[in-house]
Protein backbone atom coordinates (compact mmCIF):
# COMPACT_ATOMS: atom_id res chain seq x y z
CA UNK A 1 -190.49 -32.62 -169.91
CA UNK A 2 -193.34 -32.73 -172.43
CA UNK A 3 -195.26 -35.51 -170.67
CA UNK A 4 -195.38 -33.74 -167.32
CA UNK A 5 -196.19 -30.37 -168.85
CA UNK A 6 -199.07 -32.01 -170.73
CA UNK A 7 -200.43 -33.32 -167.41
CA UNK A 8 -200.27 -29.80 -165.95
CA UNK A 9 -202.08 -28.44 -169.00
CA UNK A 10 -204.81 -31.08 -168.81
CA UNK A 11 -205.40 -30.36 -165.14
CA UNK A 12 -205.81 -26.63 -165.85
CA UNK A 13 -208.91 -27.23 -168.02
CA UNK A 14 -208.00 -24.71 -170.71
CA UNK A 15 -206.48 -22.04 -168.47
CA UNK A 16 -202.90 -23.01 -169.29
CA UNK A 17 -201.07 -23.98 -172.45
CA UNK A 18 -197.76 -25.80 -172.30
CA UNK A 19 -196.45 -26.12 -175.85
CA UNK A 20 -193.86 -28.82 -176.39
CA UNK A 21 -190.16 -28.26 -175.91
CA UNK A 22 -189.86 -27.93 -179.70
CA UNK A 23 -191.95 -24.73 -179.70
CA UNK A 24 -189.24 -22.34 -178.51
CA UNK A 25 -186.52 -23.33 -181.03
CA UNK A 26 -189.04 -22.98 -183.87
CA UNK A 27 -190.35 -19.64 -182.59
CA UNK A 28 -186.85 -18.31 -181.93
CA UNK A 29 -185.58 -19.25 -185.40
CA UNK A 30 -188.62 -18.52 -187.53
CA UNK A 31 -190.91 -16.22 -185.57
CA UNK A 32 -194.68 -16.58 -185.48
CA UNK A 33 -194.79 -17.96 -189.04
CA UNK A 34 -192.93 -21.08 -187.88
CA UNK A 35 -195.48 -21.90 -185.14
CA UNK A 36 -198.69 -20.23 -186.28
CA UNK A 37 -200.61 -23.53 -186.38
CA UNK A 38 -199.42 -24.97 -183.08
CA UNK A 39 -202.20 -23.66 -180.84
CA UNK A 40 -204.92 -24.60 -183.34
CA UNK A 41 -203.51 -28.12 -183.74
CA UNK A 42 -203.40 -28.45 -179.95
CA UNK A 43 -207.02 -27.23 -179.77
CA UNK A 44 -205.95 -24.37 -177.50
CA UNK A 45 -207.64 -20.98 -177.33
CA UNK A 46 -204.64 -18.73 -176.66
CA UNK A 47 -206.92 -15.76 -175.85
CA UNK A 48 -208.65 -17.84 -173.16
CA UNK A 49 -205.46 -18.93 -171.41
CA UNK A 50 -204.26 -17.35 -168.19
CA UNK A 51 -200.68 -18.36 -168.98
CA UNK A 52 -198.53 -19.99 -171.61
CA UNK A 53 -195.66 -21.98 -170.11
CA UNK A 54 -192.75 -22.32 -172.53
CA UNK A 55 -189.91 -24.73 -171.71
CA UNK A 56 -186.62 -23.48 -173.10
CA UNK A 57 -183.87 -25.96 -173.95
CA UNK A 58 -180.89 -23.66 -174.29
CA UNK A 59 -177.83 -24.63 -176.28
CA UNK A 60 -178.87 -28.27 -176.05
CA UNK A 61 -177.75 -28.65 -172.46
CA UNK A 62 -179.78 -26.49 -170.06
CA UNK A 63 -183.48 -26.03 -169.30
CA UNK A 64 -185.09 -22.78 -168.24
CA UNK A 65 -188.66 -21.49 -168.31
CA UNK A 66 -190.48 -18.63 -170.00
CA UNK A 67 -194.04 -17.77 -169.03
CA UNK A 68 -196.46 -15.47 -170.82
CA UNK A 69 -198.82 -14.20 -168.14
CA UNK A 70 -201.77 -13.27 -170.32
CA UNK A 71 -203.90 -11.47 -167.72
CA UNK A 72 -201.04 -9.37 -166.34
CA UNK A 73 -199.49 -8.89 -169.80
CA UNK A 74 -195.98 -9.72 -168.72
CA UNK A 75 -193.31 -12.28 -169.44
CA UNK A 76 -191.57 -14.17 -166.67
CA UNK A 77 -188.22 -15.92 -166.95
CA UNK A 78 -186.87 -18.47 -164.49
CA UNK A 79 -183.49 -20.16 -164.57
CA UNK A 80 -182.19 -22.48 -161.87
CA UNK A 81 -178.61 -21.36 -162.57
CA UNK A 82 -179.53 -17.67 -162.52
CA UNK A 83 -178.55 -17.22 -166.18
CA UNK A 84 -180.02 -14.30 -168.16
CA UNK A 85 -182.97 -14.75 -170.50
CA UNK A 86 -182.25 -15.50 -174.16
CA UNK A 87 -181.99 -12.25 -176.10
CA UNK A 88 -184.91 -13.15 -178.38
CA UNK A 89 -187.28 -14.34 -175.63
CA UNK A 90 -189.20 -11.12 -175.08
CA UNK A 91 -189.49 -9.98 -178.73
CA UNK A 92 -190.45 -13.45 -180.01
CA UNK A 93 -193.07 -14.06 -177.31
CA UNK A 94 -194.53 -10.57 -177.86
CA UNK A 95 -194.65 -11.24 -181.61
CA UNK A 96 -196.35 -14.59 -181.00
CA UNK A 97 -199.07 -13.32 -178.70
CA UNK A 98 -199.73 -10.20 -180.82
CA UNK A 99 -200.35 -12.32 -183.90
CA UNK A 100 -202.38 -14.97 -182.08
CA UNK A 101 -204.50 -12.47 -180.16
CA UNK A 102 -204.57 -9.16 -182.06
CA UNK A 103 -206.41 -7.42 -179.21
CA UNK A 104 -203.27 -7.93 -177.09
CA UNK A 105 -200.91 -6.30 -179.57
CA UNK A 106 -199.46 -2.90 -178.75
CA UNK A 107 -198.94 -3.65 -175.07
CA UNK A 108 -195.49 -3.42 -173.47
CA UNK A 109 -195.23 -7.01 -172.08
CA UNK A 110 -192.26 -6.36 -169.75
CA UNK A 111 -189.79 -9.17 -169.09
CA UNK A 112 -189.30 -10.03 -165.42
CA UNK A 113 -186.42 -12.21 -164.30
CA UNK A 114 -187.65 -14.15 -161.29
CA UNK A 115 -184.53 -14.16 -159.13
CA UNK A 116 -186.05 -15.51 -155.93
CA UNK A 117 -186.32 -19.01 -157.32
CA UNK A 118 -184.46 -21.89 -155.72
CA UNK A 119 -181.29 -22.72 -157.61
CA UNK A 120 -179.75 -26.05 -158.47
CA UNK A 121 -176.68 -27.27 -156.64
CA UNK A 122 -175.34 -29.43 -159.46
CA UNK A 123 -175.25 -29.51 -163.25
CA UNK A 124 -178.04 -32.01 -163.86
CA UNK A 125 -181.26 -30.91 -162.13
CA UNK A 126 -182.33 -28.01 -164.37
CA UNK A 127 -185.18 -29.98 -165.96
CA UNK A 128 -186.65 -30.93 -162.59
CA UNK A 129 -186.46 -27.31 -161.47
CA UNK A 130 -188.29 -26.18 -164.64
CA UNK A 131 -191.07 -28.70 -164.03
CA UNK A 132 -191.31 -27.70 -160.37
CA UNK A 133 -191.52 -24.01 -161.35
CA UNK A 134 -194.19 -24.82 -163.96
CA UNK A 135 -196.17 -26.83 -161.42
CA UNK A 136 -196.14 -23.93 -158.95
CA UNK A 137 -197.31 -21.52 -161.64
CA UNK A 138 -200.08 -23.91 -162.69
CA UNK A 139 -201.19 -24.21 -159.06
CA UNK A 140 -201.05 -20.45 -158.44
CA UNK A 141 -198.35 -20.89 -155.80
CA UNK A 142 -195.15 -18.88 -155.38
CA UNK A 143 -192.22 -20.33 -157.31
CA UNK A 144 -189.95 -19.60 -154.37
CA UNK A 145 -191.77 -22.37 -152.45
CA UNK A 146 -190.00 -25.06 -154.54
CA UNK A 147 -187.81 -27.18 -152.27
CA UNK A 148 -184.45 -26.85 -154.02
CA UNK A 149 -182.52 -29.01 -151.58
CA UNK A 150 -181.03 -32.21 -153.01
CA UNK A 151 -183.56 -34.32 -151.08
CA UNK A 152 -186.42 -32.05 -152.18
CA UNK A 153 -185.39 -32.31 -155.83
CA UNK A 154 -185.01 -36.10 -155.58
CA UNK A 155 -188.48 -36.27 -154.09
CA UNK A 156 -189.85 -34.06 -156.90
CA UNK A 157 -188.13 -36.29 -159.49
CA UNK A 158 -189.89 -39.35 -158.04
CA UNK A 159 -193.29 -37.64 -157.87
CA UNK A 160 -192.93 -36.49 -161.50
CA UNK A 161 -192.02 -40.02 -162.57
CA UNK A 162 -194.99 -41.45 -160.70
CA UNK A 163 -197.39 -38.94 -162.28
CA UNK A 164 -196.06 -39.78 -165.76
CA UNK A 165 -196.34 -43.53 -165.10
CA UNK A 166 -199.91 -43.13 -163.81
CA UNK A 167 -200.77 -40.68 -166.59
CA UNK A 168 -202.26 -38.13 -164.20
CA UNK A 169 -201.38 -35.72 -161.47
CA UNK A 170 -202.48 -36.88 -158.04
CA UNK A 171 -205.60 -35.34 -156.54
CA UNK A 172 -205.18 -33.69 -153.16
CA UNK A 173 -206.32 -36.92 -151.44
CA UNK A 174 -203.94 -39.01 -153.51
CA UNK A 175 -201.00 -36.66 -152.85
CA UNK A 176 -200.74 -37.73 -149.22
CA UNK A 177 -200.78 -41.41 -150.16
CA UNK A 178 -198.42 -40.89 -153.12
CA UNK A 179 -195.97 -38.97 -150.95
CA UNK A 180 -195.99 -41.75 -148.40
CA UNK A 181 -195.46 -44.37 -151.11
CA UNK A 182 -192.66 -42.37 -152.69
CA UNK A 183 -190.84 -42.29 -149.38
CA UNK A 184 -191.04 -46.08 -149.24
CA UNK A 185 -190.02 -46.65 -152.84
CA UNK A 186 -186.47 -46.17 -153.95
CA UNK A 187 -186.49 -46.62 -157.68
CA UNK A 188 -183.61 -44.93 -159.47
CA UNK A 189 -184.22 -42.27 -162.09
């Protein structure tokens, strides 16, 4: 989770922040005070980001995604099982952004459940769906364009693994070659 999100962040050149999967539990439990140094330590200018992508590991067994859309001043929530957002998601993210960027305090920051996302067909693909959603957001593409079929998710799993192994996301020229290679390779994940 964290490795791939870091690759998405690096590709965005400062427009996107993907804090680690440990960010949400700290923020949820302790509020802004528990994570007030995270952006500075990551050398991230929260005010300059277009979005903050927050992976949510819920109850130790399910991944979902929260997104602070800084320019639109709204919070998005995506869950591949269609589960509701954690009760503290909106108030904690609003608290965080208001304290990090005081000029953004006082705004409503509505929470939108994105229901037109592809859903998982088993109990084990939630993490891949979260990474696919995050990738679409980072690329400015609709989240509904994620291929949620079993073969599409297996393909996404392989492309994520390849990007992590190579330490970079493929460029548009490399994507065609990587996709062809992934079809030929059948390494188990």
